[in-house]
Each structure stands twice: as structure tokens, then as C-alpha cells.
Protein backbone atom coordinates (compact mmCIF):
# COMPACT_ATOMS: atom_id res chain seq x y z
CA MET A 1 -37.49 35.21 68.59
CA LYS A 2 -38.49 32.46 66.12
CA SER A 3 -38.79 33.67 62.53
CA ASN A 4 -42.42 32.53 62.08
CA THR A 5 -43.50 34.53 65.15
CA LEU A 6 -41.34 37.52 64.24
CA PHE A 7 -42.37 37.71 60.57
CA LEU A 8 -46.05 36.71 60.75
CA LYS A 9 -47.32 38.06 64.07
CA THR A 10 -45.28 41.16 64.93
CA PRO A 11 -47.09 44.40 63.94
CA PRO A 12 -45.46 45.86 60.78
CA LEU A 13 -44.20 49.07 62.41
CA LYS A 14 -42.77 47.18 65.37
CA LEU A 15 -41.23 44.65 62.96
CA PHE A 16 -39.65 47.52 61.05
CA PHE A 17 -37.95 48.87 64.16
CA PHE A 18 -37.00 45.38 65.34
CA ALA A 19 -35.47 44.23 62.04
CA ALA A 20 -34.62 47.29 59.94
CA ILE A 21 -33.02 49.47 62.60
CA PRO A 22 -30.47 46.80 63.64
CA GLY A 23 -29.81 46.14 59.94
CA ALA A 24 -29.20 49.82 59.32
CA VAL A 25 -26.95 50.04 62.39
CA SER A 26 -25.00 47.00 61.14
CA MET A 27 -24.37 48.56 57.76
CA LEU A 28 -23.65 51.94 59.36
CA ALA A 29 -20.92 50.30 61.41
CA SER A 30 -19.50 48.79 58.23
CA ALA A 31 -19.74 52.12 56.42
CA LEU A 32 -18.10 53.89 59.32
CA TYR A 33 -15.14 51.54 59.14
CA GLN A 34 -14.85 52.00 55.37
CA THR A 35 -14.79 55.75 55.94
CA ILE A 36 -12.18 55.37 58.68
CA ASP A 37 -10.17 53.11 56.38
CA GLY A 38 -10.11 55.84 53.75
CA VAL A 39 -9.10 58.38 56.39
CA PHE A 40 -6.26 56.15 57.63
CA VAL A 41 -4.89 55.56 54.13
CA GLY A 42 -5.18 59.23 53.17
CA ARG A 43 -3.57 60.54 56.34
CA PHE A 44 -0.93 57.86 57.07
CA LEU A 45 0.09 56.96 53.50
CA GLY A 46 -0.70 60.12 51.51
CA SER A 47 -2.76 61.24 48.53
CA THR A 48 -1.20 58.80 46.03
CA ALA A 49 -2.13 55.83 48.21
CA PHE A 50 -5.65 57.24 48.67
CA ALA A 51 -6.06 57.58 44.90
CA ALA A 52 -4.63 54.05 44.38
CA MET A 53 -7.09 52.65 46.90
CA ASN A 54 -10.01 54.20 45.02
CA LEU A 55 -8.65 53.02 41.68
CA ALA A 56 -8.52 49.40 42.92
CA MET A 57 -11.82 49.46 44.83
CA PRO A 58 -14.10 48.56 41.88
CA PHE A 59 -12.15 45.32 41.39
CA VAL A 60 -12.34 44.57 45.12
CA ILE A 61 -16.13 44.90 44.98
CA ILE A 62 -16.26 42.71 41.86
CA ASN A 63 -14.37 40.11 43.91
CA PHE A 64 -17.23 40.16 46.43
CA SER A 65 -19.94 40.09 43.76
CA LEU A 66 -20.39 36.32 43.35
CA ALA A 67 -20.68 35.82 47.11
CA ASP A 68 -23.28 38.58 47.24
CA LEU A 69 -25.16 37.01 44.32
CA ILE A 70 -25.34 33.63 46.03
CA GLY A 71 -26.00 35.06 49.50
CA VAL A 72 -28.89 37.30 48.45
CA GLY A 73 -30.07 34.87 45.76
CA SER A 74 -30.37 32.03 48.25
CA ALA A 75 -31.90 34.16 51.04
CA VAL A 76 -35.03 34.91 49.00
CA PRO A 77 -36.02 31.28 48.20
CA ILE A 78 -35.00 30.21 51.72
CA SER A 79 -37.39 32.77 53.25
CA ILE A 80 -40.21 31.82 50.88
CA SER A 81 -39.64 28.08 51.53
CA LEU A 82 -39.82 28.67 55.28
CA GLY A 83 -43.03 30.65 54.78
CA LYS A 84 -44.45 27.63 52.94
CA LYS A 85 -43.26 25.31 55.78
CA GLN A 86 -40.77 23.58 53.45
CA GLU A 87 -37.90 23.42 55.97
CA GLN A 88 -36.00 20.57 54.30
CA GLU A 89 -35.83 22.54 51.05
CA ALA A 90 -34.68 25.65 52.94
CA ASN A 91 -31.88 23.67 54.65
CA ASN A 92 -30.69 22.27 51.33
CA ILE A 93 -30.55 25.69 49.68
CA PHE A 94 -28.68 27.03 52.72
CA THR A 95 -26.08 24.22 52.63
CA CYS A 96 -25.53 24.39 48.88
CA ALA A 97 -25.22 28.17 48.98
CA CYS A 98 -22.40 28.03 51.56
CA ILE A 99 -20.46 25.53 49.42
CA LEU A 100 -20.98 27.60 46.27
CA ILE A 101 -19.74 30.81 47.94
CA ILE A 102 -16.47 29.29 49.15
CA ALA A 103 -15.80 27.73 45.73
CA ALA A 104 -16.67 30.96 43.89
CA GLY A 105 -14.45 33.00 46.22
CA ALA A 106 -11.46 30.77 45.53
CA LEU A 107 -12.02 30.76 41.76
CA LEU A 108 -12.70 34.46 41.25
CA GLY A 109 -10.05 35.51 43.78
CA GLY A 110 -7.36 33.46 42.02
CA THR A 111 -8.33 34.89 38.64
CA LEU A 112 -8.25 38.50 39.81
CA PHE A 113 -4.93 37.97 41.62
CA ALA A 114 -3.31 36.87 38.36
CA LEU A 115 -4.90 39.67 36.32
CA ALA A 116 -4.29 42.50 38.83
CA PRO A 117 -1.23 44.11 37.14
CA ALA A 118 -2.84 44.10 33.69
CA LEU A 119 -6.17 45.46 34.96
CA ILE A 120 -4.61 48.33 36.93
CA ARG A 121 -2.37 49.38 34.07
CA LEU A 122 -5.35 49.21 31.72
CA MET A 123 -6.85 51.96 33.88
CA GLY A 124 -3.96 54.22 32.90
CA ALA A 125 -2.05 54.06 36.20
CA GLU A 126 1.74 53.99 36.18
CA GLY A 127 4.65 53.93 38.63
CA GLU A 128 3.94 54.08 42.35
CA PHE A 129 0.26 54.80 41.68
CA ALA A 130 -0.10 51.45 39.88
CA THR A 131 2.09 49.51 42.33
CA LEU A 132 0.04 50.57 45.34
CA ALA A 133 -3.27 49.79 43.60
CA ILE A 134 -2.02 46.28 42.71
CA GLN A 135 -0.91 45.61 46.30
CA TYR A 136 -4.27 46.69 47.69
CA MET A 137 -6.27 44.63 45.20
CA ARG A 138 -4.16 41.48 45.50
CA THR A 139 -4.41 41.37 49.30
CA TYR A 140 -8.20 41.37 49.13
CA VAL A 141 -8.58 38.77 46.39
CA ALA A 142 -5.99 36.41 47.94
CA CYS A 143 -8.24 36.10 51.02
CA SER A 144 -11.60 35.88 49.24
CA ALA A 145 -12.12 32.13 49.74
CA VAL A 146 -12.33 32.58 53.53
CA THR A 147 -13.86 36.06 53.78
CA THR A 148 -16.68 36.40 51.23
CA ILE A 149 -18.93 33.93 53.09
CA MET A 150 -19.62 36.79 55.51
CA PHE A 151 -21.90 38.34 52.88
CA ALA A 152 -24.22 35.34 53.12
CA THR A 153 -24.14 34.43 56.81
CA ASP A 154 -25.37 37.92 57.65
CA ASN A 155 -28.55 37.19 55.65
CA PHE A 156 -28.89 33.67 57.06
CA LEU A 157 -28.70 34.91 60.65
CA ARG A 158 -31.49 37.42 60.04
CA ILE A 159 -33.65 34.75 58.39
CA CYS A 160 -33.31 32.67 61.56
CA GLY A 161 -34.38 35.59 63.74
CA TYR A 162 -30.88 36.50 64.98
CA VAL A 163 -31.41 40.14 64.04
CA ARG A 164 -29.54 41.64 66.97
CA GLY A 165 -26.85 38.98 66.76
CA SER A 166 -26.26 39.94 63.14
CA MET A 167 -26.04 43.60 64.14
CA LEU A 168 -23.59 42.86 66.95
CA LEU A 169 -21.42 40.76 64.65
CA ASN A 170 -21.19 43.57 62.10
CA ILE A 171 -20.28 46.06 64.82
CA ILE A 172 -17.55 43.70 66.10
CA MET A 173 -16.22 43.26 62.56
CA SER A 174 -16.08 47.00 61.97
CA ALA A 175 -14.45 47.73 65.32
CA LEU A 176 -11.90 44.98 64.78
CA SER A 177 -11.14 46.24 61.27
CA ALA A 178 -10.68 49.80 62.51
CA GLY A 179 -8.44 48.67 65.38
CA LEU A 180 -6.27 46.50 63.16
CA GLY A 181 -6.17 49.23 60.50
CA PHE A 182 -4.83 51.77 63.00
CA LEU A 183 -2.35 49.23 64.38
CA PHE A 184 -1.02 48.23 60.97
CA LEU A 185 -0.88 51.73 59.43
CA GLY A 186 -0.56 54.12 62.35
CA VAL A 187 1.70 52.07 64.65
CA PHE A 188 3.56 49.51 62.53
CA ARG A 189 3.66 51.90 59.53
CA TRP A 190 3.02 49.11 57.06
CA GLY A 191 1.98 49.80 53.47
CA ILE A 192 -1.37 49.97 51.73
CA TRP A 193 -1.65 46.18 51.62
CA ALA A 194 -2.02 46.22 55.42
CA SER A 195 -5.24 48.24 55.13
CA ALA A 196 -6.77 45.42 53.08
CA LEU A 197 -5.31 42.79 55.41
CA ALA A 198 -6.99 44.42 58.42
CA THR A 199 -10.41 44.12 56.79
CA CYS A 200 -9.80 40.57 55.55
CA THR A 201 -8.66 39.42 59.02
CA SER A 202 -11.75 40.84 60.71
CA MET A 203 -14.06 39.34 58.05
CA PHE A 204 -12.49 35.89 58.51
CA ILE A 205 -12.80 35.97 62.31
CA CYS A 206 -16.42 37.12 62.19
CA SER A 207 -17.26 34.56 59.50
CA LEU A 208 -16.15 31.82 61.88
CA ILE A 209 -18.22 33.31 64.71
CA SER A 210 -21.30 33.62 62.48
CA PHE A 211 -21.37 29.85 61.86
CA ILE A 212 -21.56 28.94 65.56
CA PRO A 213 -25.41 28.85 65.75
CA PHE A 214 -25.56 26.68 62.63
CA PHE A 215 -22.86 24.23 63.74
CA ARG A 216 -24.47 23.90 67.18
CA GLY A 217 -27.89 23.24 65.65
CA LYS A 218 -29.47 26.17 67.51
CA ALA A 219 -30.63 28.03 64.39
CA GLN A 220 -33.74 27.26 62.34
CA LEU A 221 -31.52 26.58 59.32
CA ARG A 222 -29.33 23.48 59.54
CA PHE A 223 -26.59 21.94 57.45
CA CYS A 224 -27.63 18.82 55.59
CA ARG A 225 -26.26 16.57 52.88
CA PRO A 226 -26.23 18.90 49.86
CA ARG A 227 -28.40 18.03 46.88
CA PHE A 228 -27.46 20.30 44.00
CA ARG A 229 -30.17 20.66 41.38
CA ALA A 230 -30.10 22.74 38.23
CA LYS A 231 -33.47 24.30 39.10
CA MET A 232 -32.22 25.37 42.53
CA VAL A 233 -29.03 26.91 41.12
CA ARG A 234 -31.05 28.77 38.49
CA GLN A 235 -33.37 30.04 41.22
CA ILE A 236 -30.42 31.32 43.28
CA ILE A 237 -28.89 33.01 40.24
CA SER A 238 -32.23 34.51 39.21
CA CYS A 239 -32.96 35.98 42.65
CA GLY A 240 -29.38 37.16 43.16
CA SER A 241 -28.89 38.60 39.69
CA PRO A 242 -30.23 42.10 40.50
CA ASN A 243 -27.63 42.56 43.25
CA PHE A 244 -24.98 40.93 41.10
CA LEU A 245 -25.79 43.20 38.17
CA ASN A 246 -25.77 46.16 40.54
CA ASN A 247 -22.27 45.24 41.72
CA ILE A 248 -20.79 44.31 38.34
CA SER A 249 -22.37 47.02 36.20
CA GLY A 250 -21.73 49.62 38.88
CA ARG A 251 -18.08 48.63 39.02
CA ILE A 252 -17.82 48.68 35.21
CA THR A 253 -19.14 52.23 35.32
CA SER A 254 -16.68 53.11 38.11
CA ILE A 255 -13.80 51.65 36.13
CA LEU A 256 -14.82 53.63 33.06
CA LEU A 257 -15.17 56.83 35.08
CA ASN A 258 -11.78 56.26 36.71
CA MET A 259 -10.19 55.76 33.29
CA ILE A 260 -11.71 59.04 32.13
CA LEU A 261 -10.76 60.87 35.33
CA VAL A 262 -7.14 59.64 35.23
CA ARG A 263 -6.78 61.10 31.75
CA VAL A 264 -8.81 64.29 32.31
CA GLY A 265 -7.83 65.30 35.83
CA GLY A 266 -5.14 62.88 37.02
CA GLU A 267 -4.82 61.76 40.64
CA MET A 268 -6.71 64.82 41.89
CA ALA A 269 -9.87 63.94 39.94
CA VAL A 270 -9.68 60.29 41.04
CA SER A 271 -9.34 61.42 44.65
CA VAL A 272 -12.38 63.71 44.39
CA TYR A 273 -14.38 60.86 42.85
CA GLY A 274 -13.21 58.70 45.75
CA ILE A 275 -14.55 61.27 48.22
CA LEU A 276 -17.95 61.16 46.49
CA MET A 277 -17.94 57.37 46.73
CA TYR A 278 -17.03 57.49 50.41
CA ALA A 279 -19.89 59.90 51.02
CA ASP A 280 -22.23 57.54 49.17
CA GLY A 281 -20.62 54.63 50.98
CA PHE A 282 -21.80 56.11 54.24
CA ILE A 283 -25.41 56.65 53.09
CA GLN A 284 -26.12 53.74 50.76
CA PRO A 285 -25.32 51.08 53.41
CA LEU A 286 -27.97 52.65 55.62
CA LEU A 287 -30.52 52.19 52.83
CA TYR A 288 -29.22 48.75 51.96
CA GLY A 289 -29.06 47.56 55.57
CA MET A 290 -32.60 48.71 56.25
CA CYS A 291 -34.18 47.33 53.07
CA ASP A 292 -32.12 44.13 53.06
CA SER A 293 -33.04 43.42 56.69
CA LEU A 294 -36.73 43.52 55.79
CA GLN A 295 -36.39 41.16 52.80
CA PRO A 296 -36.69 37.95 54.87
CA ALA A 297 -39.89 39.25 56.48
CA VAL A 298 -41.33 40.35 53.13
CA GLY A 299 -40.39 37.06 51.47
CA TYR A 300 -41.77 35.00 54.37
CA ASN A 301 -45.13 36.81 54.29
CA TRP A 302 -45.29 36.66 50.49
CA GLY A 303 -44.76 32.90 50.65
CA ALA A 304 -47.44 32.63 53.36
CA GLY A 305 -49.92 34.66 51.30
CA LYS A 306 -50.04 37.57 53.78
CA TYR A 307 -49.96 40.27 51.10
CA SER A 308 -51.41 43.06 53.26
CA ARG A 309 -48.47 42.64 55.67
CA VAL A 310 -46.06 42.81 52.75
CA ARG A 311 -47.55 46.16 51.70
CA ALA A 312 -47.47 47.50 55.26
CA ILE A 313 -43.80 46.51 55.72
CA GLU A 314 -42.82 48.04 52.39
CA LYS A 315 -44.61 51.29 53.25
CA CYS A 316 -42.31 51.61 56.25
CA CYS A 317 -39.31 50.84 54.04
CA PHE A 318 -40.13 53.49 51.41
CA THR A 319 -40.84 56.15 54.04
CA ALA A 320 -37.67 55.53 56.03
CA SER A 321 -35.57 55.49 52.83
CA ALA A 322 -36.92 58.93 51.89
CA VAL A 323 -36.10 60.32 55.34
CA ILE A 324 -32.51 59.01 55.20
CA CYS A 325 -31.98 60.55 51.75
CA LEU A 326 -33.32 63.93 52.90
CA LEU A 327 -30.85 63.95 55.79
CA ALA A 328 -28.06 62.99 53.38
CA ILE A 329 -28.79 66.00 51.17
CA LEU A 330 -28.57 68.36 54.13
CA LEU A 331 -25.38 66.81 55.50
CA ILE A 332 -23.44 66.84 52.22
CA ASP A 333 -24.63 70.28 51.13
CA LEU A 334 -23.82 71.94 54.47
CA PHE A 335 -20.38 70.42 55.10
CA PRO A 336 -18.58 69.81 51.75
CA ALA A 337 -15.26 71.31 52.88
CA GLN A 338 -15.20 69.29 56.09
CA ILE A 339 -15.99 66.08 54.20
CA THR A 340 -13.14 66.80 51.77
CA ARG A 341 -10.58 67.49 54.50
CA LEU A 342 -11.62 64.35 56.34
CA PHE A 343 -9.91 62.35 53.60
CA MET A 344 -7.44 64.93 52.26
CA ALA A 345 -6.23 67.02 55.19
CA ASP A 346 -3.96 69.10 52.96
CA ALA A 347 -6.63 69.85 50.33
CA THR A 348 -6.40 73.49 49.23
CA GLY A 349 -6.86 75.61 46.14
CA GLU A 350 -8.14 73.82 43.05
CA THR A 351 -8.56 70.44 44.75
CA LEU A 352 -10.74 71.87 47.51
CA THR A 353 -12.77 73.97 45.07
CA VAL A 354 -13.40 71.04 42.73
CA SER A 355 -14.34 68.74 45.61
CA ILE A 356 -16.80 71.20 47.19
CA GLY A 357 -18.50 71.78 43.85
CA ALA A 358 -18.66 68.05 43.12
CA LEU A 359 -20.13 67.22 46.54
CA ARG A 360 -22.85 69.87 46.25
CA ILE A 361 -23.87 68.57 42.84
CA PHE A 362 -23.70 65.00 44.12
CA SER A 363 -26.04 65.76 47.04
CA PHE A 364 -28.95 66.18 44.60
CA THR A 365 -28.67 62.46 43.86
CA TYR A 366 -30.61 61.68 47.03
CA ILE A 367 -33.69 63.69 46.06
CA THR A 368 -34.85 60.61 44.11
CA ARG A 369 -32.38 57.86 45.10
CA TRP A 370 -34.67 56.41 47.78
CA LEU A 371 -37.41 55.49 45.32
CA SER A 372 -35.34 53.26 43.03
CA PHE A 373 -33.48 51.68 45.94
CA ALA A 374 -36.63 50.70 47.85
CA THR A 375 -38.39 49.52 44.68
CA GLN A 376 -35.51 47.25 43.70
CA SER A 377 -35.44 45.73 47.18
CA TYR A 378 -39.23 45.21 47.09
CA MET A 379 -39.11 43.40 43.76
CA LEU A 380 -36.26 41.19 44.90
CA ALA A 381 -37.96 40.26 48.20
CA ILE A 382 -41.12 38.99 46.45
CA GLU A 383 -39.10 36.97 43.91
CA LYS A 384 -39.59 39.29 40.95
CA PRO A 385 -35.99 39.30 39.68
CA LEU A 386 -36.68 40.64 36.17
CA PRO A 387 -37.92 44.13 37.13
CA ALA A 388 -35.32 44.26 39.91
CA ALA A 389 -32.57 43.36 37.45
CA LEU A 390 -33.83 45.90 34.90
CA LEU A 391 -33.81 48.61 37.54
CA SER A 392 -30.39 47.59 38.79
CA LEU A 393 -28.81 47.48 35.33
CA SER A 394 -30.38 50.79 34.32
CA ASN A 395 -29.30 52.52 37.53
CA THR A 396 -25.70 51.34 37.48
CA LEU A 397 -24.81 50.99 33.79
CA ILE A 398 -27.33 52.03 31.13
CA PHE A 399 -28.27 55.47 32.47
CA PRO A 400 -24.72 56.40 33.60
CA LEU A 401 -23.24 55.48 30.21
CA LEU A 402 -25.96 57.42 28.40
CA LEU A 403 -25.28 60.49 30.53
CA ILE A 404 -21.51 60.20 30.09
CA VAL A 405 -22.09 60.70 26.37
CA LEU A 406 -24.72 63.43 26.75
CA LEU A 407 -22.79 65.39 29.39
CA TRP A 408 -19.32 64.91 27.88
CA PRO A 409 -19.01 68.56 26.70
CA LEU A 410 -19.24 69.72 30.35
CA GLY A 411 -15.97 67.98 31.33
CA LEU A 412 -15.56 67.17 35.03
CA LYS A 413 -18.83 68.91 35.87
CA GLY A 414 -20.57 66.51 33.51
CA ILE A 415 -19.14 63.57 35.48
CA TRP A 416 -20.50 64.96 38.75
CA LEU A 417 -23.92 65.68 37.15
CA ASN A 418 -24.07 62.04 36.06
CA PHE A 419 -25.08 60.91 39.55
CA PRO A 420 -28.24 63.01 40.14
CA GLY A 421 -29.21 62.53 36.50
CA THR A 422 -28.99 58.75 36.80
CA SER A 423 -30.97 58.83 40.04
CA LEU A 424 -33.79 60.83 38.42
CA LEU A 425 -34.07 58.47 35.44
CA ALA A 426 -34.05 55.43 37.78
CA ALA A 427 -36.85 56.96 39.87
CA ILE A 428 -38.99 57.41 36.75
CA LEU A 429 -38.36 53.78 35.79
CA SER A 430 -39.34 52.70 39.32
CA LEU A 431 -42.68 54.45 39.03
CA VAL A 432 -43.29 52.71 35.70
CA ILE A 433 -42.50 49.29 37.22
CA LEU A 434 -44.72 49.86 40.26
CA GLY A 435 -47.54 51.07 38.01
CA LYS A 436 -47.37 48.03 35.73
CA MET A 437 -47.36 45.64 38.71
CA ARG A 438 -50.08 47.47 40.63
CA ARG A 439 -52.63 44.66 40.31
CA GLU A 440 -50.24 41.93 41.45
CA LEU A 441 -49.00 44.04 44.35
CA SER A 442 -52.60 44.59 45.49
CA LEU A 443 -53.57 40.92 45.91
CA PRO A 444 -55.86 40.05 48.87
CA ASP A 445 -54.57 37.81 51.65
CA VAL A 446 -54.84 34.04 51.25
CA ALA A 447 -57.16 32.70 53.93
């Protein structure tokens, strides 16, 4: 279906199910593989490898951050340009964004490859723990020039109306990653680096497949001779900065927490923190996939002056986000032991007790998590990067750091309480932002 027909004429509820559900399924497939990846590493390589994987993961996500910045940052102005019928401008932003992502992947990947040993040892890791973390990190960053483009093409396909194609591609990538992961770890018995290689190989293959509609000229977006302009680059950075800040500041917080956990509780505490992140990594992609899939439609209608449709689409987004978070609370609170043993089959005694307690505290995060997540996505989709960036930075860095200090006397329990506390403060900030922008968000449609 052509994007102008899909975004402008499809009833909002039908559009939600057509665009958001496939987006959520896509991210669920990705989350499912990430969960399986953690299971494979924990069961085939042991608890030290599982802890090393979680120690290195923040740096892996930082490696993806620039590609995500450019991919999301370009998707917003592309959607708005298409809504304004400025197709030549949309094609130029699309072409320049692809070039920028490949260059950024090569530059940041090379830098992190060289710094990997120093960064891992700065975290406090030593011996085999450090060696495994370095191997895992270096495999990812060495491939970043040819893998990170996948973060952008997923958005570009949805902008062009290939919603189901994007979903299918993500499912293929996840299935391929899981298959290669089992082959490399379970059959060949290779080391932790092979887990990263499995993901990188699947990302590269699916990146090539994702470009087929654009190379064949079948998509609404087309490659053109790139015309880089300072204003365009600033626009991409501005629109992508909330996601970028979310990735970077969130990873800074994760690195700090890992440093504290290594010193307070050792490998066991890092592993429990990893379990919490895997639980969140299964739920947050559902929220992200759903909200992110609706951003092109919201941006297109905002650019076309169809503000009532924007509000109707966002109402669906907020409601569905709340439902997902409610289900997450029930799932985590009812099955904490099973979730723990999924990643650490031999977990008993203190490890199991600490993990169950941490998961039950962590489940309260989702009472309010939906509100800040949907609000940030809303602000980003209508090209309001400042409130989105403020919310992102507060949610991933400012509030967590504040609570680390305030909850420090509680030890490990204070670390686990950090998550629901941060979510509550972010929800309050979201309400303040929505209240201050109430007039602008209530604009009448342009005739």
C-alpha cells in the first residue's frame, strides 16, 4: 500500500493494527533472539561467559548508537517531507543518511575495537571474565560498518509502506541469528565471540536484502546524487538526539551500575542485573516496535496538517503501551524463578533468592513505564526533539544517577529499586511536558 494512502486515509484504529502490530512482532522476534542468545551463552559457555556478555553489552549498544541516531533522525524529516509532497528532499535525506551510517559505523567501530581492553578492565573485570568480554565486544564492533545500516533500513521500509516486509525481514534476521547461534555454540562449540558473529552475520545478510526495493526503484524513496547541507545534518542530529541520548546515557548508567555491582556483588550481581536487562529486553522492544512503527504515520499527518489523525493514532499508542506494561508486571511477578533459571540453570541458594527479589522489585517499573515511553515517541514523531531529549536524558541518566546516591545505603536492594523509581519520576515529567504543550497538541486540522 502506498504511504500516502496508508497514512492519510486508513482509519486510525485500522492503521494501528496494520502498522504497529507488525512493528511489535518485528521487535518481539528480535527480543526473542536476544533472549535465546543469552540462554545459549549461559547454558553452553557457563556463568562467567554470561556475566562477561552482560558486562560488554553496554559498549555493543553504544556501537549501534550513531546508526540509530541517523536512522531515526532521518526518518522523521523524511516522513514530514513526504507529507508536504517534497519527494526530492526526502530522497536526498534518505541517500545522505545511508552514507553517514556506513561511515559512522566504520569510525566508531574502529575506535571501540582499539579501546576494548582498556574499557573492560576499567569496569573492574580481570582474568577470564575480562578476556571473554573483550572477545564479545570486539567481534561486534569489527563488523559495525556493514551491520548497523539495518537500524535505518527498517525505518525506511516502513516509511515506504513495506510494513509487513519489514516485519518479515526482522523475523528472518532473528531466526537466522538463533540458528547460527545454536550451530556455532551448541554444535561447533566455539567461544563467546561466535555468539556475536552469529548476530553480525544475520544483520549483514538482512541489510543486503532490505536494500533490494530501493536498488530496484520499486520503493517511494530512491537513491539520488547526495547533497549534504549543514541544515540537513543538523536536522537529522536534532531529530535523532533523543534516541541517541537514550542509548548513550542509558549505557553510561549501565556501565556505572556494572562497575558498582562488580565491586559489591561480583559476577553473581552482574548476572542478576543481566537477567533484569533480558527481561526488559523482551518487553521494551514491544513498546519500541509499536511506537516506532507509528512514527512515520504520525510525522506524515503532522506534515500534512491532519492533527486530529495524529491525536487519534497517539491515543491508540498510549493505550496499547499501558496494556503491554500491565501484562509485563504480571509475567515477571508470577514467574521470577523460572525467568532466572532460563538463563542460569544451576541458580540456587543466594543467587536464586537475590534474583527473585530483584525481579519482583523490577516488575513495578512497568506501572508507569508506558507513559514516558509513549510520550517520548510522540514528541519525536512530531519533530519536537527538545522535550523528547529532556525526557530521554532524565529517564536514562539524570534520574538513575540521582537515585543511586539516594538509595546507596540500601545496597543491592537500592540498585533494584532504582528502576521503578526512575520510571515514576519520568512519568511525572511526561505529564508536565504534555500539559505544557497542550495547546500545540490540540491544533485544528489545516483545510
